[in-house]
């Protein structure tokens, strides 16, 4: 079993900053990618940023230049530094991990989400 726990969400004013953290635990054999997704009310869940164990990073166009993803795969942990936050960044942010378990079964696992609210 693999579990992901996010932390760091909260409420900030436009232009503010916030850092999200996500730690995966359980019967993990290897972690291939970790990433952040978000979902606003009435909208589909979208990818925000992702990072592979090899260090390759990808960002959504809407956050590129403002958000920075980093990871410590030895700790199965991923971070998202969010700067210059905008009201449109308001959403529930979810952490996802692509891992193989101790039984060598590969799959995606999700956290429960953390709320980020940007308003004046």
C-alpha atoms as a PDB file:
ATOM      1  CA  UNK A   1       0.000   0.000   0.000  1.00  0.00           C
ATOM      2  CA  UNK A   2       1.202   3.509  -0.874  1.00  0.00           C
ATOM      3  CA  UNK A   3      -0.010   6.673   0.806  1.00  0.00           C
ATOM      4  CA  UNK A   4       0.625  10.303  -0.100  1.00  0.00           C
ATOM      5  CA  UNK A   5       0.187  13.224   2.279  1.00  0.00           C
ATOM      6  CA  UNK A   6       0.208  16.859   1.144  1.00  0.00           C
ATOM      7  CA  UNK A   7       0.843  19.878   3.314  1.00  0.00           C
ATOM      8  CA  UNK A   8       1.432  23.596   2.984  1.00  0.00           C
ATOM      9  CA  UNK A   9      -1.855  24.799   1.564  1.00  0.00           C
ATOM     10  CA  UNK A  10      -3.517  27.936   2.808  1.00  0.00           C
ATOM     11  CA  UNK A  11      -4.858  31.364   1.946  1.00  0.00           C
ATOM     12  CA  UNK A  12      -2.701  34.146   0.531  1.00  0.00           C
ATOM     13  CA  UNK A  13      -3.122  37.473  -1.217  1.00  0.00           C
ATOM     14  CA  UNK A  14      -2.349  37.928  -4.908  1.00  0.00           C
ATOM     15  CA  UNK A  15       1.382  38.165  -5.433  1.00  0.00           C
ATOM     16  CA  UNK A  16       2.090  36.048  -2.401  1.00  0.00           C
ATOM     17  CA  UNK A  17       3.992  32.796  -2.124  1.00  0.00           C
ATOM     18  CA  UNK A  18       3.288  29.341  -0.811  1.00  0.00           C
ATOM     19  CA  UNK A  19       5.187  26.064  -0.698  1.00  0.00           C
ATOM     20  CA  UNK A  20       3.501  22.685  -0.915  1.00  0.00           C
ATOM     21  CA  UNK A  21       5.065  19.432   0.223  1.00  0.00           C
ATOM     22  CA  UNK A  22       4.127  15.842  -0.482  1.00  0.00           C
ATOM     23  CA  UNK A  23       5.588  12.709   1.046  1.00  0.00           C
ATOM     24  CA  UNK A  24       4.856   9.218  -0.190  1.00  0.00           C
ATOM     25  CA  UNK A  25       5.179   6.264   2.121  1.00  0.00           C
ATOM     26  CA  UNK A  26       4.436   2.575   2.185  1.00  0.00           C
ATOM     27  CA  UNK A  27       5.674  -0.400   0.244  1.00  0.00           C
ATOM     28  CA  UNK A  28       7.536   1.546  -2.421  1.00  0.00           C
ATOM     29  CA  UNK A  29      10.218  -0.174  -4.428  1.00  0.00           C
ATOM     30  CA  UNK A  30      10.980   2.654  -6.818  1.00  0.00           C
ATOM     31  CA  UNK A  31       9.570   6.082  -7.642  1.00  0.00           C
ATOM     32  CA  UNK A  32       9.560   7.127 -11.287  1.00  0.00           C
ATOM     33  CA  UNK A  33       7.746  10.454 -11.326  1.00  0.00           C
ATOM     34  CA  UNK A  34       5.972  12.735  -8.889  1.00  0.00           C
ATOM     35  CA  UNK A  35       3.821  15.697  -9.689  1.00  0.00           C
ATOM     36  CA  UNK A  36       1.196  18.213  -8.731  1.00  0.00           C
ATOM     37  CA  UNK A  37      -2.305  18.571 -10.143  1.00  0.00           C
ATOM     38  CA  UNK A  38      -5.078  20.981  -9.282  1.00  0.00           C
ATOM     39  CA  UNK A  39      -8.818  21.169  -9.624  1.00  0.00           C
ATOM     40  CA  UNK A  40     -11.058  24.191  -9.257  1.00  0.00           C
ATOM     41  CA  UNK A  41     -14.837  23.893  -8.768  1.00  0.00           C
ATOM     42  CA  UNK A  42     -16.564  23.078 -12.029  1.00  0.00           C
ATOM     43  CA  UNK A  43     -13.308  22.431 -13.849  1.00  0.00           C
ATOM     44  CA  UNK A  44     -11.360  19.333 -14.759  1.00  0.00           C
ATOM     45  CA  UNK A  45      -8.260  18.309 -12.896  1.00  0.00           C
ATOM     46  CA  UNK A  46      -5.158  19.587 -14.650  1.00  0.00           C
ATOM     47  CA  UNK A  47      -1.470  18.945 -14.340  1.00  0.00           C
ATOM     48  CA  UNK A  48       0.520  21.762 -12.766  1.00  0.00           C
ATOM     49  CA  UNK A  49       4.052  20.391 -12.680  1.00  0.00           C
ATOM     50  CA  UNK A  50       5.861  17.074 -12.686  1.00  0.00           C
ATOM     51  CA  UNK A  51       9.355  15.791 -12.100  1.00  0.00           C
ATOM     52  CA  UNK A  52      10.994  12.493 -12.976  1.00  0.00           C
ATOM     53  CA  UNK A  53      13.579  10.629 -10.947  1.00  0.00           C
ATOM     54  CA  UNK A  54      16.078  11.671 -13.599  1.00  0.00           C
ATOM     55  CA  UNK A  55      15.388  15.333 -12.904  1.00  0.00           C
ATOM     56  CA  UNK A  56      13.274  16.214 -15.923  1.00  0.00           C
ATOM     57  CA  UNK A  57      10.697  18.875 -15.070  1.00  0.00           C
ATOM     58  CA  UNK A  58       7.514  19.907 -16.833  1.00  0.00           C
ATOM     59  CA  UNK A  59       5.179  22.810 -16.123  1.00  0.00           C
ATOM     60  CA  UNK A  60       1.791  23.927 -17.267  1.00  0.00           C
ATOM     61  CA  UNK A  61       1.971  27.083 -19.359  1.00  0.00           C
ATOM     62  CA  UNK A  62      -0.101  28.929 -16.783  1.00  0.00           C
ATOM     63  CA  UNK A  63       2.481  28.442 -14.030  1.00  0.00           C
ATOM     64  CA  UNK A  64       5.773  28.361 -15.891  1.00  0.00           C
ATOM     65  CA  UNK A  65       8.117  30.995 -14.517  1.00  0.00           C
ATOM     66  CA  UNK A  66       6.157  31.327 -11.288  1.00  0.00           C
ATOM     67  CA  UNK A  67       6.180  27.801  -9.838  1.00  0.00           C
ATOM     68  CA  UNK A  68       9.160  25.554  -9.203  1.00  0.00           C
ATOM     69  CA  UNK A  69       8.945  21.820  -8.621  1.00  0.00           C
ATOM     70  CA  UNK A  70      11.679  19.891  -6.866  1.00  0.00           C
ATOM     71  CA  UNK A  71      12.003  16.416  -5.492  1.00  0.00           C
ATOM     72  CA  UNK A  72      13.985  14.219  -3.191  1.00  0.00           C
ATOM     73  CA  UNK A  73      13.349  10.753  -4.518  1.00  0.00           C
ATOM     74  CA  UNK A  74      15.439   9.115  -1.816  1.00  0.00           C
ATOM     75  CA  UNK A  75      12.745  10.385   0.554  1.00  0.00           C
ATOM     76  CA  UNK A  76       9.856   9.981  -1.916  1.00  0.00           C
ATOM     77  CA  UNK A  77       9.100  13.635  -1.419  1.00  0.00           C
ATOM     78  CA  UNK A  78       8.147  16.400  -3.845  1.00  0.00           C
ATOM     79  CA  UNK A  79       7.774  20.140  -3.328  1.00  0.00           C
ATOM     80  CA  UNK A  80       6.076  22.948  -5.194  1.00  0.00           C
ATOM     81  CA  UNK A  81       7.284  26.496  -4.614  1.00  0.00           C
ATOM     82  CA  UNK A  82       4.579  28.877  -5.788  1.00  0.00           C
ATOM     83  CA  UNK A  83       5.418  32.541  -6.309  1.00  0.00           C
ATOM     84  CA  UNK A  84       3.453  35.476  -7.707  1.00  0.00           C
ATOM     85  CA  UNK A  85       0.204  33.713  -6.956  1.00  0.00           C
ATOM     86  CA  UNK A  86      -2.922  34.780  -8.813  1.00  0.00           C
ATOM     87  CA  UNK A  87      -6.615  34.333  -7.982  1.00  0.00           C
ATOM     88  CA  UNK A  88      -6.867  31.857 -10.850  1.00  0.00           C
ATOM     89  CA  UNK A  89      -4.428  29.606  -8.994  1.00  0.00           C
ATOM     90  CA  UNK A  90      -7.153  28.937  -6.435  1.00  0.00           C
ATOM     91  CA  UNK A  91      -7.865  25.213  -6.401  1.00  0.00           C
ATOM     92  CA  UNK A  92      -7.387  21.997  -4.521  1.00  0.00           C
ATOM     93  CA  UNK A  93      -3.884  20.786  -5.225  1.00  0.00           C
ATOM     94  CA  UNK A  94      -3.222  17.058  -5.424  1.00  0.00           C
ATOM     95  CA  UNK A  95       0.038  15.176  -5.299  1.00  0.00           C
ATOM     96  CA  UNK A  96       0.556  12.171  -7.550  1.00  0.00           C
ATOM     97  CA  UNK A  97       3.288   9.558  -7.499  1.00  0.00           C
ATOM     98  CA  UNK A  98       4.128   7.012 -10.170  1.00  0.00           C
ATOM     99  CA  UNK A  99       5.758   4.170  -8.267  1.00  0.00           C
ATOM    100  CA  UNK A 100       6.401   0.472  -8.233  1.00  0.00           C
ATOM    101  CA  UNK A 101       5.575  -1.364  -5.032  1.00  0.00           C
ATOM    102  CA  UNK A 102       7.612  -3.936  -3.184  1.00  0.00           C
ATOM    103  CA  UNK A 103       5.772  -6.505  -5.288  1.00  0.00           C
ATOM    104  CA  UNK A 104       6.975  -4.744  -8.469  1.00  0.00           C
ATOM    105  CA  UNK A 105       3.504  -3.538  -9.381  1.00  0.00           C
ATOM    106  CA  UNK A 106       3.618  -0.111 -11.007  1.00  0.00           C
ATOM    107  CA  UNK A 107       0.834   2.403 -10.734  1.00  0.00           C
ATOM    108  CA  UNK A 108      -0.272   5.914  -9.841  1.00  0.00           C
ATOM    109  CA  UNK A 109      -1.196   6.997  -6.324  1.00  0.00           C
ATOM    110  CA  UNK A 110      -2.886  10.205  -5.212  1.00  0.00           C
ATOM    111  CA  UNK A 111      -2.991  12.309  -2.097  1.00  0.00           C
ATOM    112  CA  UNK A 112      -6.178  13.713  -0.613  1.00  0.00           C
ATOM    113  CA  UNK A 113      -5.447  17.266  -1.716  1.00  0.00           C
ATOM    114  CA  UNK A 114      -4.734  20.574  -0.046  1.00  0.00           C
ATOM    115  CA  UNK A 115      -6.651  23.811  -0.585  1.00  0.00           C
ATOM    116  CA  UNK A 116      -4.892  26.860  -1.989  1.00  0.00           C
ATOM    117  CA  UNK A 117      -6.872  30.088  -1.995  1.00  0.00           C
ATOM    118  CA  UNK A 118      -5.602  33.323  -3.529  1.00  0.00           C
ATOM    119  CA  UNK A 119      -7.787  36.350  -2.909  1.00  0.00           C
ATOM    120  CA  UNK A 120      -7.612  39.977  -1.885  1.00  0.00           C
END
